[in-house]
Amino acid sequence: MAFSFIDYAVIVLYLAGVAYLGLKSSGQQTSNKDYFLGGDGLPWWAVLFSVVATETSTLTFISIPAVAYGGNLTFLQITVGYVIGRVIVALFFLPKYYEGELYTAYTFLEHRFGAGMRNAASTTFMITRLLADGVRLFATAIPLAIILRLGGAFAGWGDLELYILSIFVITAITLVYTFFGGIKAVVWMDFVQMIVYIGGAFIAIGVLFANLPAGFELPQAKLQLIDTGFDLSFRDFIAQPYTIITAIVGGAVFSLASHGTDQLLVQRVLATRNLKSAQKAMIWSGIVAMLQFALFLGVGLLLFMFYEGMSAEQMGLATTDEIFAKFIVEQLPAGISGLIVASLFAAAMSSLSSSLNSLASSTTYDLYKPYFGKQNTEAKDLSISRRITLVWGVILAASAIFFAVLQLQEGERPAIVELGLGIASYTYGGLLGAFLLGMFFDKPDKTDALIGFFCGLIALLFMVQGPVQNLLPGEGLAIAWPLYTMVGSLIVLLAGNLSMLIRR
């Protein structure tokens, strides 16, 4: 079934509507406080949905159903850790941020350790976002290209052309309202776009329920929620990401880092009216994220029943990630397919807009103003911030196209893409360790913090990807990705305190 004129019309109208509503919701921006913090006037429930939309990408929409289709529901264990981590952030991290007027998360590090630590953390954040969000934006183009190709759109276009088209459209529309509207437009459009993509998921569920084949029963193993992993050896246990201890502990520590130290998400809650509102937004975002993952896993189980357990190969697909895309194009009625594709654009734009605004705020307040803009007027600061937003939009689009070209080359290149996707797990350990060192240890100074920070980054990279593995007997000691952040932060704390003891 090819896309109809109605489908194309729905997509075009949605994209135009996003640009218009984004501009309308932005209000009047007169200062950087308005541009990056919304004038401290955003309601907690809007920020809550913005946090969830920011951490949701098109890959969530497409790949989480594939997790349930090819496996079971044990992925939900990690979301329990996410909730625990956000409760800790709300109780211990956010009060520290609200003690002073902070525009970025890394201002705290400057107050505790000096400008050097702030610059190191901010630069690490920017490099992380450049690589991770460049890959994320490119990866967003993959399911969109698949759907457009399956739907018969742009016949004769190659993969690279379709990827670049998707990247260009997503970036251009997102830049329109992020450039002019700042954080207020970003938060309100995140709220709208979350409603759109969640609505798209419910529509898909309704169609699936109405068309389930009679007589096919879901295997009991598909409903497994908990995997203790107690029957595994230690080596195998720490290599499995979804055993209950690894998932919950790793998920909690990862959430401490992502929601407690990453400007991408910290900026959202700093835009609320007060500490209590920020805490409510943070804690409830974990609960809503858990429900959202459960929703998309449910889509995967229904797809498994609809296709009666057929493998991706039997359906002529490369991976299970393409199964939901196949269903969208081939099974949904005219207009609804277009709405679901609009949902994919919504998930992509909500993530990108948040990245652009957080990168601009960190660049402005951590790198530009301390050295070049101390005497600027509010109007000039606002103008500079908008220009920085535009520059980051171009850089992220270029990064995404670079990874697209890289992916289409033969050889070992795709491994670099995998590194880009996982890079947040490597850097979060260093960032979280630095924050914990500053919050709970009084004696380490700026030198100790920098030594610990870089030891954490380097040690984790070598432990997971490099020579350390080659020194171990046998196959080496593999570590599941949810544990990367915990290992990295522990190394920072150990190295920072050892440095303090040695230098005393």
Protein backbone atom coordinates (compact mmCIF):
# COMPACT_ATOMS: atom_id res chain seq x y z
CA MET A 1 0.00 0.00 0.00
CA ALA A 2 1.54 3.31 -1.09
CA PHE A 3 1.14 6.62 0.68
CA SER A 4 -1.91 8.53 -0.48
CA PHE A 5 -2.30 12.25 -1.11
CA ILE A 6 -4.09 12.45 2.25
CA ASP A 7 -1.01 11.05 4.03
CA TYR A 8 1.27 13.63 2.46
CA ALA A 9 -1.20 16.40 3.28
CA VAL A 10 -1.34 15.32 6.94
CA ILE A 11 2.47 15.40 7.21
CA VAL A 12 2.82 18.81 5.52
CA LEU A 13 0.01 20.33 7.61
CA TYR A 14 1.54 18.94 10.78
CA LEU A 15 4.99 20.35 10.04
CA ALA A 16 3.53 23.75 9.16
CA GLY A 17 1.41 23.66 12.31
CA VAL A 18 4.44 22.87 14.48
CA ALA A 19 6.33 25.89 13.16
CA TYR A 20 3.30 28.16 13.66
CA LEU A 21 2.39 26.93 17.16
CA GLY A 22 6.02 27.02 18.23
CA LEU A 23 6.27 30.68 17.32
CA LYS A 24 2.89 31.54 18.90
CA SER A 25 3.74 29.83 22.19
CA SER A 26 7.12 31.52 22.59
CA GLY A 27 5.89 34.86 23.88
CA GLN A 28 8.11 37.95 23.91
CA GLN A 29 11.79 37.23 24.52
CA THR A 30 13.60 40.24 26.02
CA SER A 31 16.50 38.58 27.87
CA ASN A 32 18.50 35.38 28.09
CA LYS A 33 16.56 34.52 31.24
CA ASP A 34 13.42 34.46 29.09
CA TYR A 35 15.20 32.61 26.28
CA PHE A 36 16.85 29.87 28.35
CA LEU A 37 14.70 29.67 31.52
CA GLY A 38 11.31 30.88 30.30
CA GLY A 39 11.38 33.70 32.82
CA ASP A 40 11.09 31.09 35.59
CA GLY A 41 7.39 30.83 34.85
CA LEU A 42 6.73 27.42 33.27
CA PRO A 43 4.23 25.10 35.03
CA TRP A 44 5.67 21.86 36.40
CA TRP A 45 3.31 19.59 34.43
CA ALA A 46 4.40 21.12 31.12
CA VAL A 47 8.06 20.69 32.10
CA LEU A 48 7.33 17.10 33.14
CA PHE A 49 6.09 16.23 29.65
CA SER A 50 8.96 18.17 28.09
CA VAL A 51 11.48 16.06 30.05
CA VAL A 52 9.86 12.83 28.83
CA ALA A 53 9.57 14.09 25.25
CA THR A 54 13.22 15.18 25.30
CA GLU A 55 14.44 11.72 26.27
CA THR A 56 12.14 10.12 23.69
CA SER A 57 13.32 9.83 20.11
CA THR A 58 12.04 8.23 16.94
CA LEU A 59 14.14 5.22 17.92
CA THR A 60 11.96 4.82 21.02
CA PHE A 61 8.88 4.84 18.81
CA ILE A 62 10.31 2.22 16.45
CA SER A 63 12.82 0.19 18.46
CA ILE A 64 11.07 -0.38 21.81
CA PRO A 65 8.25 -2.35 20.10
CA ALA A 66 11.03 -4.38 18.45
CA VAL A 67 12.47 -5.22 21.90
CA ALA A 68 9.18 -6.85 22.92
CA TYR A 69 8.68 -8.43 19.49
CA GLY A 70 12.05 -10.18 19.64
CA GLY A 71 12.17 -10.76 23.40
CA ASN A 72 9.97 -10.05 26.42
CA LEU A 73 9.14 -7.30 28.94
CA THR A 74 12.28 -7.43 31.12
CA PHE A 75 13.35 -4.06 29.69
CA LEU A 76 10.80 -2.52 32.09
CA GLN A 77 13.07 -3.42 35.02
CA ILE A 78 15.42 -0.61 34.06
CA THR A 79 12.60 1.94 34.24
CA VAL A 80 12.21 1.15 37.95
CA GLY A 81 15.80 2.31 38.33
CA TYR A 82 14.97 5.43 36.32
CA VAL A 83 12.26 6.37 38.84
CA ILE A 84 14.54 5.74 41.84
CA GLY A 85 17.30 7.83 40.27
CA ARG A 86 14.97 10.77 39.63
CA VAL A 87 13.68 10.71 43.20
CA ILE A 88 17.30 11.03 44.40
CA VAL A 89 17.94 13.87 41.93
CA ALA A 90 14.82 15.68 43.16
CA LEU A 91 15.75 15.35 46.84
CA PHE A 92 19.52 15.97 46.74
CA PHE A 93 20.57 17.58 43.44
CA LEU A 94 17.81 20.10 42.73
CA PRO A 95 18.08 21.90 46.11
CA LYS A 96 21.76 22.55 45.31
CA TYR A 97 20.80 24.05 41.94
CA TYR A 98 18.17 26.30 43.50
CA GLU A 99 20.54 27.71 46.14
CA GLY A 100 21.72 30.27 43.57
CA GLU A 101 20.53 31.60 40.22
CA LEU A 102 21.93 29.01 37.82
CA TYR A 103 21.55 29.09 34.05
CA THR A 104 23.37 25.77 33.49
CA ALA A 105 24.03 22.67 35.57
CA TYR A 106 27.76 23.31 35.37
CA THR A 107 27.57 26.62 37.24
CA PHE A 108 27.41 24.48 40.39
CA LEU A 109 30.80 22.97 39.55
CA GLU A 110 32.27 26.46 39.15
CA HIS A 111 30.98 27.47 42.58
CA ARG A 112 32.53 24.36 44.13
CA PHE A 113 35.72 23.78 42.11
CA GLY A 114 36.31 26.86 39.95
CA ALA A 115 36.02 27.77 36.28
CA GLY A 116 38.36 25.01 35.07
CA MET A 117 36.05 22.23 36.24
CA ARG A 118 33.03 24.03 34.84
CA ASN A 119 34.70 24.39 31.44
CA ALA A 120 35.79 20.74 31.40
CA ALA A 121 32.28 19.52 32.23
CA SER A 122 30.59 21.90 29.79
CA THR A 123 32.97 20.98 26.96
CA THR A 124 32.42 17.29 27.67
CA PHE A 125 28.67 17.89 27.52
CA MET A 126 28.99 19.63 24.14
CA ILE A 127 31.17 16.90 22.64
CA THR A 128 28.76 14.28 23.95
CA ARG A 129 25.77 16.04 22.44
CA LEU A 130 27.58 16.66 19.14
CA LEU A 131 28.32 12.96 18.70
CA ALA A 132 25.30 11.40 20.40
CA ASP A 133 22.73 13.82 18.94
CA GLY A 134 24.38 13.73 15.53
CA VAL A 135 23.95 9.97 15.52
CA ARG A 136 20.46 10.32 17.03
CA LEU A 137 19.38 12.73 14.29
CA PHE A 138 20.79 10.42 11.62
CA ALA A 139 19.17 7.39 13.26
CA THR A 140 15.88 9.29 13.22
CA ALA A 141 16.13 9.46 9.44
CA ILE A 142 16.43 5.67 9.12
CA PRO A 143 12.83 4.67 10.02
CA LEU A 144 11.48 7.71 8.19
CA ALA A 145 13.39 6.66 5.07
CA ILE A 146 12.11 3.09 5.46
CA ILE A 147 8.51 4.27 5.74
CA LEU A 148 8.81 6.65 2.80
CA ARG A 149 10.39 3.91 0.70
CA LEU A 150 7.82 1.27 1.69
CA GLY A 151 5.09 3.81 0.99
CA GLY A 152 6.37 4.42 -2.53
CA ALA A 153 7.50 8.01 -1.90
CA PHE A 154 10.46 9.51 -3.75
CA ALA A 155 10.89 6.53 -6.05
CA GLY A 156 14.40 6.29 -7.38
CA TRP A 157 15.97 8.14 -4.48
CA GLY A 158 18.88 6.41 -2.74
CA ASP A 159 19.29 5.90 1.00
CA LEU A 160 21.62 8.87 1.43
CA GLU A 161 19.25 11.25 -0.37
CA LEU A 162 16.31 10.14 1.80
CA TYR A 163 18.41 10.46 4.96
CA ILE A 164 19.54 13.98 4.04
CA LEU A 165 15.96 15.00 3.19
CA SER A 166 14.68 13.80 6.57
CA ILE A 167 17.58 15.46 8.42
CA PHE A 168 17.04 18.75 6.58
CA VAL A 169 13.27 18.86 7.19
CA ILE A 170 13.56 17.97 10.89
CA THR A 171 16.36 20.47 11.51
CA ALA A 172 14.81 23.35 9.54
CA ILE A 173 11.36 23.15 11.18
CA THR A 174 12.85 22.70 14.65
CA LEU A 175 15.20 25.66 14.20
CA VAL A 176 12.30 27.96 13.30
CA TYR A 177 10.64 27.82 16.71
CA THR A 178 13.77 27.11 18.78
CA PHE A 179 15.62 30.11 17.28
CA PHE A 180 12.83 32.60 17.96
CA GLY A 181 11.03 31.09 20.94
CA GLY A 182 13.74 29.67 23.19
CA ILE A 183 12.96 27.32 26.06
CA LYS A 184 9.31 28.40 26.35
CA ALA A 185 8.57 27.38 22.75
CA VAL A 186 10.62 24.19 23.19
CA VAL A 187 8.74 23.10 26.33
CA TRP A 188 5.26 23.83 24.96
CA MET A 189 6.02 22.14 21.64
CA ASP A 190 7.49 19.15 23.48
CA PHE A 191 4.14 18.92 25.28
CA VAL A 192 2.16 19.09 22.02
CA GLN A 193 4.43 16.65 20.22
CA MET A 194 4.33 14.13 23.05
CA ILE A 195 0.54 14.12 22.79
CA VAL A 196 0.89 13.53 19.04
CA TYR A 197 3.28 10.58 19.22
CA ILE A 198 1.51 8.96 22.19
CA GLY A 199 -1.74 9.41 20.27
CA GLY A 200 -0.10 7.73 17.29
CA ALA A 201 0.83 4.76 19.47
CA PHE A 202 -2.75 4.42 20.76
CA ILE A 203 -4.11 4.56 17.21
CA ALA A 204 -1.74 1.75 16.22
CA ILE A 205 -2.87 -0.27 19.25
CA GLY A 206 -6.51 0.21 18.30
CA VAL A 207 -5.93 -0.98 14.74
CA LEU A 208 -3.91 -3.96 15.98
CA PHE A 209 -6.60 -5.01 18.47
CA ALA A 210 -9.25 -4.81 15.76
CA ASN A 211 -7.27 -7.05 13.43
CA LEU A 212 -5.67 -9.69 15.65
CA PRO A 213 -5.83 -13.17 14.08
CA ALA A 214 -8.14 -15.65 15.77
CA GLY A 215 -6.61 -18.64 17.51
CA PHE A 216 -3.06 -17.31 18.00
CA GLU A 217 -1.97 -17.29 21.64
CA LEU A 218 0.90 -15.23 22.96
CA PRO A 219 3.64 -17.47 24.44
CA GLN A 220 3.91 -17.09 28.21
CA ALA A 221 7.62 -16.34 27.92
CA LYS A 222 6.82 -13.08 26.09
CA LEU A 223 5.20 -11.73 29.28
CA GLN A 224 8.27 -12.22 31.50
CA LEU A 225 8.82 -9.06 33.56
CA ILE A 226 11.64 -10.06 35.92
CA ASP A 227 14.94 -11.82 35.26
CA THR A 228 16.87 -12.41 38.49
CA GLY A 229 19.95 -13.75 36.68
CA PHE A 230 20.85 -15.71 39.81
CA ASP A 231 21.59 -18.81 37.73
CA LEU A 232 24.40 -17.01 35.86
CA SER A 233 28.10 -16.90 36.69
CA PHE A 234 29.49 -13.56 37.88
CA ARG A 235 31.12 -12.96 34.49
CA ASP A 236 27.84 -13.53 32.67
CA PHE A 237 25.77 -11.71 35.30
CA ILE A 238 27.51 -8.34 34.91
CA ALA A 239 27.41 -8.69 31.12
CA GLN A 240 23.60 -9.02 30.97
CA PRO A 241 21.88 -5.61 30.89
CA TYR A 242 18.39 -6.68 31.96
CA THR A 243 18.89 -8.82 35.06
CA ILE A 244 17.00 -7.18 37.89
CA ILE A 245 19.95 -5.94 39.99
CA THR A 246 21.94 -4.64 37.01
CA ALA A 247 18.87 -3.03 35.47
CA ILE A 248 17.60 -1.28 38.60
CA VAL A 249 20.97 -0.19 40.03
CA GLY A 250 22.38 0.71 36.61
CA GLY A 251 19.17 2.48 35.61
CA ALA A 252 19.11 4.49 38.85
CA VAL A 253 22.74 5.63 38.51
CA PHE A 254 22.28 6.40 34.81
CA SER A 255 19.23 8.51 35.68
CA LEU A 256 21.23 10.33 38.37
CA ALA A 257 23.67 11.35 35.66
CA SER A 258 21.25 12.07 32.82
CA HIS A 259 18.72 14.01 34.90
CA GLY A 260 21.07 15.39 37.53
CA THR A 261 24.13 16.50 35.55
CA ASP A 262 23.20 16.72 31.85
CA GLN A 263 22.27 20.26 30.81
CA LEU A 264 19.90 18.78 28.22
CA LEU A 265 17.48 17.72 30.98
CA VAL A 266 18.55 19.87 33.94
CA GLN A 267 17.67 23.00 31.95
CA ARG A 268 14.04 21.87 31.73
CA VAL A 269 13.50 21.70 35.49
CA LEU A 270 15.43 24.94 36.10
CA ALA A 271 12.70 26.61 34.01
CA THR A 272 9.99 25.79 36.58
CA ARG A 273 8.65 28.34 39.06
CA ASN A 274 10.36 27.03 42.20
CA LEU A 275 12.12 24.05 43.79
CA LYS A 276 8.91 22.25 44.72
CA SER A 277 7.64 22.46 41.13
CA ALA A 278 10.99 21.22 39.82
CA GLN A 279 10.89 18.24 42.18
CA LYS A 280 7.37 17.30 41.10
CA ALA A 281 8.33 17.53 37.43
CA MET A 282 11.42 15.38 37.98
CA ILE A 283 9.75 12.59 39.97
CA TRP A 284 6.62 12.36 37.83
CA SER A 285 8.72 12.29 34.65
CA GLY A 286 10.13 8.95 35.79
CA ILE A 287 6.65 7.49 36.33
CA VAL A 288 5.36 8.79 32.98
CA ALA A 289 8.48 7.48 31.20
CA MET A 290 7.87 4.04 32.71
CA LEU A 291 4.27 4.06 31.47
CA GLN A 292 5.44 5.21 28.05
CA PHE A 293 7.93 2.35 27.73
CA ALA A 294 5.20 -0.07 28.82
CA LEU A 295 2.94 1.35 26.10
CA PHE A 296 5.50 0.83 23.33
CA LEU A 297 6.41 -2.64 24.61
CA GLY A 298 2.69 -3.42 24.42
CA VAL A 299 2.72 -2.36 20.77
CA GLY A 300 5.51 -4.87 20.22
CA LEU A 301 3.53 -7.73 21.78
CA LEU A 302 0.48 -6.89 19.67
CA LEU A 303 2.65 -6.81 16.54
CA PHE A 304 3.97 -10.26 17.50
CA MET A 305 0.39 -11.54 17.71
CA PHE A 306 -0.67 -9.75 14.51
CA TYR A 307 2.16 -11.30 12.48
CA GLU A 308 1.82 -14.61 14.38
CA GLY A 309 5.43 -14.61 15.51
CA MET A 310 6.99 -14.39 12.04
CA SER A 311 10.67 -13.45 12.03
CA ALA A 312 11.96 -10.33 10.31
CA GLU A 313 13.62 -12.55 7.71
CA GLN A 314 10.34 -14.31 6.92
CA MET A 315 8.78 -10.90 6.26
CA GLY A 316 11.64 -9.85 4.01
CA LEU A 317 12.99 -7.29 6.50
CA ALA A 318 16.56 -6.75 7.65
CA THR A 319 15.81 -6.41 11.40
CA THR A 320 12.90 -6.43 13.83
CA ASP A 321 13.27 -2.62 14.02
CA GLU A 322 11.55 -2.45 10.62
CA ILE A 323 8.44 -4.42 11.64
CA PHE A 324 6.48 -1.49 13.12
CA ALA A 325 7.38 0.61 10.07
CA LYS A 326 6.06 -2.17 7.82
CA PHE A 327 2.80 -2.26 9.78
CA ILE A 328 2.39 1.53 9.61
CA VAL A 329 2.70 1.62 5.83
CA GLU A 330 0.88 -1.58 4.88
CA GLN A 331 -1.92 -1.92 7.43
CA LEU A 332 -3.08 1.55 8.47
CA PRO A 333 -5.79 3.36 6.47
CA ALA A 334 -5.14 6.49 4.40
CA GLY A 335 -4.50 9.52 6.56
CA ILE A 336 -3.65 7.45 9.62
CA SER A 337 -0.31 6.40 8.09
CA GLY A 338 0.48 10.06 7.54
CA LEU A 339 -0.44 10.84 11.15
CA ILE A 340 1.89 8.13 12.44
CA VAL A 341 4.75 9.45 10.30
CA ALA A 342 3.96 12.89 11.72
CA SER A 343 4.31 11.25 15.15
CA LEU A 344 7.81 10.13 14.19
CA PHE A 345 8.69 13.67 13.18
CA ALA A 346 7.24 14.85 16.52
CA ALA A 347 9.48 12.53 18.52
CA ALA A 348 12.51 13.63 16.50
CA MET A 349 11.84 17.36 16.77
CA SER A 350 11.16 17.27 20.51
CA SER A 351 14.60 15.73 21.08
CA LEU A 352 16.42 18.03 18.66
CA SER A 353 14.85 21.27 19.94
CA SER A 354 15.91 20.43 23.48
CA SER A 355 19.46 19.68 22.35
CA LEU A 356 19.72 22.96 20.45
CA ASN A 357 18.48 25.06 23.35
CA SER A 358 20.65 23.33 25.96
CA LEU A 359 23.76 23.51 23.75
CA ALA A 360 23.15 27.21 23.15
CA SER A 361 22.67 27.92 26.87
CA SER A 362 25.80 25.99 27.86
CA THR A 363 27.88 27.65 25.12
CA THR A 364 26.60 31.10 26.07
CA TYR A 365 26.96 30.90 29.85
CA ASP A 366 29.84 28.46 30.29
CA LEU A 367 32.15 29.50 27.45
CA TYR A 368 31.10 32.85 25.93
CA LYS A 369 29.91 35.22 28.67
CA PRO A 370 32.66 34.55 31.25
CA TYR A 371 35.34 35.56 28.73
CA PHE A 372 33.81 37.70 25.99
CA GLY A 373 30.41 39.01 27.06
CA LYS A 374 30.73 40.41 30.57
CA GLN A 375 29.75 43.93 29.47
CA ASN A 376 26.98 42.92 27.04
CA THR A 377 23.48 44.35 27.25
CA GLU A 378 20.52 41.96 27.59
CA ALA A 379 19.59 42.63 23.95
CA LYS A 380 23.07 41.74 22.71
CA ASP A 381 23.19 38.59 24.86
CA LEU A 382 19.86 37.48 23.40
CA SER A 383 21.07 38.14 19.86
CA ILE A 384 24.28 36.17 20.46
CA SER A 385 22.32 33.27 21.99
CA ARG A 386 20.07 33.02 18.94
CA ARG A 387 23.07 33.01 16.62
CA ILE A 388 24.67 30.25 18.69
CA THR A 389 21.42 28.25 18.42
CA LEU A 390 21.54 28.59 14.63
CA VAL A 391 25.19 27.53 14.50
CA TRP A 392 24.51 24.43 16.60
CA GLY A 393 21.61 23.52 14.29
CA VAL A 394 23.94 23.57 11.29
CA ILE A 395 26.64 21.63 13.19
CA LEU A 396 24.23 18.90 14.36
CA ALA A 397 22.77 18.52 10.85
CA ALA A 398 26.30 18.23 9.42
CA SER A 399 27.19 15.68 12.10
CA ALA A 400 24.10 13.63 11.25
CA ILE A 401 24.92 13.68 7.52
CA PHE A 402 28.51 12.66 8.33
CA PHE A 403 27.26 9.61 10.24
CA ALA A 404 24.85 8.81 7.41
CA VAL A 405 27.71 8.77 4.90
CA LEU A 406 29.80 6.73 7.35
CA GLN A 407 27.04 4.16 7.83
CA LEU A 408 26.65 3.62 4.08
CA GLN A 409 30.33 2.86 3.59
CA GLU A 410 31.54 -0.72 3.69
CA GLY A 411 33.95 -2.18 6.20
CA GLU A 412 34.18 -1.55 9.93
CA ARG A 413 32.73 1.97 9.87
CA PRO A 414 29.36 1.12 11.53
CA ALA A 415 31.22 0.35 14.77
CA ILE A 416 31.95 4.10 15.03
CA VAL A 417 28.21 4.77 14.84
CA GLU A 418 27.64 2.35 17.72
CA LEU A 419 30.27 4.25 19.73
CA GLY A 420 28.46 7.50 19.00
CA LEU A 421 25.14 6.09 20.19
CA GLY A 422 26.67 4.85 23.43
CA ILE A 423 28.91 7.82 24.16
CA ALA A 424 26.60 9.31 26.79
CA SER A 425 27.14 6.19 28.89
CA TYR A 426 30.89 6.82 28.83
CA THR A 427 30.81 10.53 29.69
CA TYR A 428 27.98 10.39 32.22
CA GLY A 429 30.23 8.53 34.67
CA GLY A 430 32.74 11.39 34.71
CA LEU A 431 30.07 14.07 35.02
CA LEU A 432 28.16 12.31 37.81
CA GLY A 433 31.37 11.55 39.70
CA ALA A 434 32.40 15.22 39.60
CA PHE A 435 29.01 16.35 40.92
CA LEU A 436 29.03 13.74 43.71
CA LEU A 437 32.58 14.73 44.64
CA GLY A 438 31.47 18.34 44.96
CA MET A 439 28.24 17.64 46.83
CA PHE A 440 29.32 15.06 49.41
CA PHE A 441 33.09 15.50 49.89
CA ASP A 442 34.39 18.74 51.42
CA LYS A 443 38.16 18.28 51.19
CA PRO A 444 38.91 17.60 47.47
CA ASP A 445 39.76 20.81 45.58
CA LYS A 446 39.68 21.80 41.91
CA THR A 447 42.86 19.87 41.05
CA ASP A 448 41.51 16.70 42.67
CA ALA A 449 38.21 17.14 40.83
CA LEU A 450 39.89 17.52 37.43
CA ILE A 451 42.17 14.51 38.06
CA GLY A 452 39.21 12.38 39.12
CA PHE A 453 37.05 13.59 36.22
CA PHE A 454 39.55 12.71 33.51
CA CYS A 455 40.53 9.43 35.20
CA GLY A 456 36.87 8.42 35.10
CA LEU A 457 36.49 9.28 31.41
CA ILE A 458 39.72 7.60 30.31
CA ALA A 459 39.44 4.52 32.54
CA LEU A 460 35.92 3.71 31.40
CA LEU A 461 36.80 4.14 27.74
CA PHE A 462 39.76 1.80 28.07
CA MET A 463 37.83 -0.65 30.21
CA VAL A 464 35.00 -1.01 27.71
CA GLN A 465 36.68 -0.44 24.35
CA GLY A 466 40.43 -0.59 24.77
CA PRO A 467 43.60 -2.37 25.87
CA VAL A 468 42.40 -3.35 29.35
CA GLN A 469 40.21 -6.01 27.77
CA ASN A 470 43.22 -7.47 25.98
CA LEU A 471 45.12 -7.90 29.26
CA LEU A 472 42.40 -10.06 30.81
CA PRO A 473 42.50 -13.87 30.47
CA GLY A 474 40.01 -15.58 28.20
CA GLU A 475 37.43 -13.38 26.51
CA GLY A 476 37.83 -10.46 28.88
CA LEU A 477 35.33 -9.07 31.36
CA ALA A 478 32.35 -7.59 29.54
CA ILE A 479 30.27 -5.01 31.41
CA ALA A 480 26.60 -4.39 30.63
CA TRP A 481 25.90 -0.85 29.43
CA PRO A 482 23.67 0.13 32.41
CA LEU A 483 26.77 -0.24 34.64
CA TYR A 484 29.06 2.07 32.63
CA THR A 485 27.94 5.21 34.46
CA MET A 486 28.26 3.61 37.90
CA VAL A 487 31.77 2.33 37.19
CA GLY A 488 32.87 5.70 35.79
CA SER A 489 31.52 7.71 38.72
CA LEU A 490 33.12 5.38 41.28
CA ILE A 491 36.49 5.81 39.54
CA VAL A 492 36.09 9.61 39.72
CA LEU A 493 35.33 9.48 43.45
CA LEU A 494 38.23 7.11 44.12
CA ALA A 495 40.76 9.03 42.00
CA GLY A 496 39.64 12.42 43.33
CA ASN A 497 39.95 11.36 46.97
CA LEU A 498 43.26 9.56 46.38
CA SER A 499 44.62 12.71 44.74
CA MET A 500 43.52 14.71 47.76
CA LEU A 501 45.25 12.30 50.18
CA ILE A 502 48.48 12.17 48.16
CA ARG A 503 48.67 15.96 47.77
CA ARG A 504 47.98 16.78 51.43
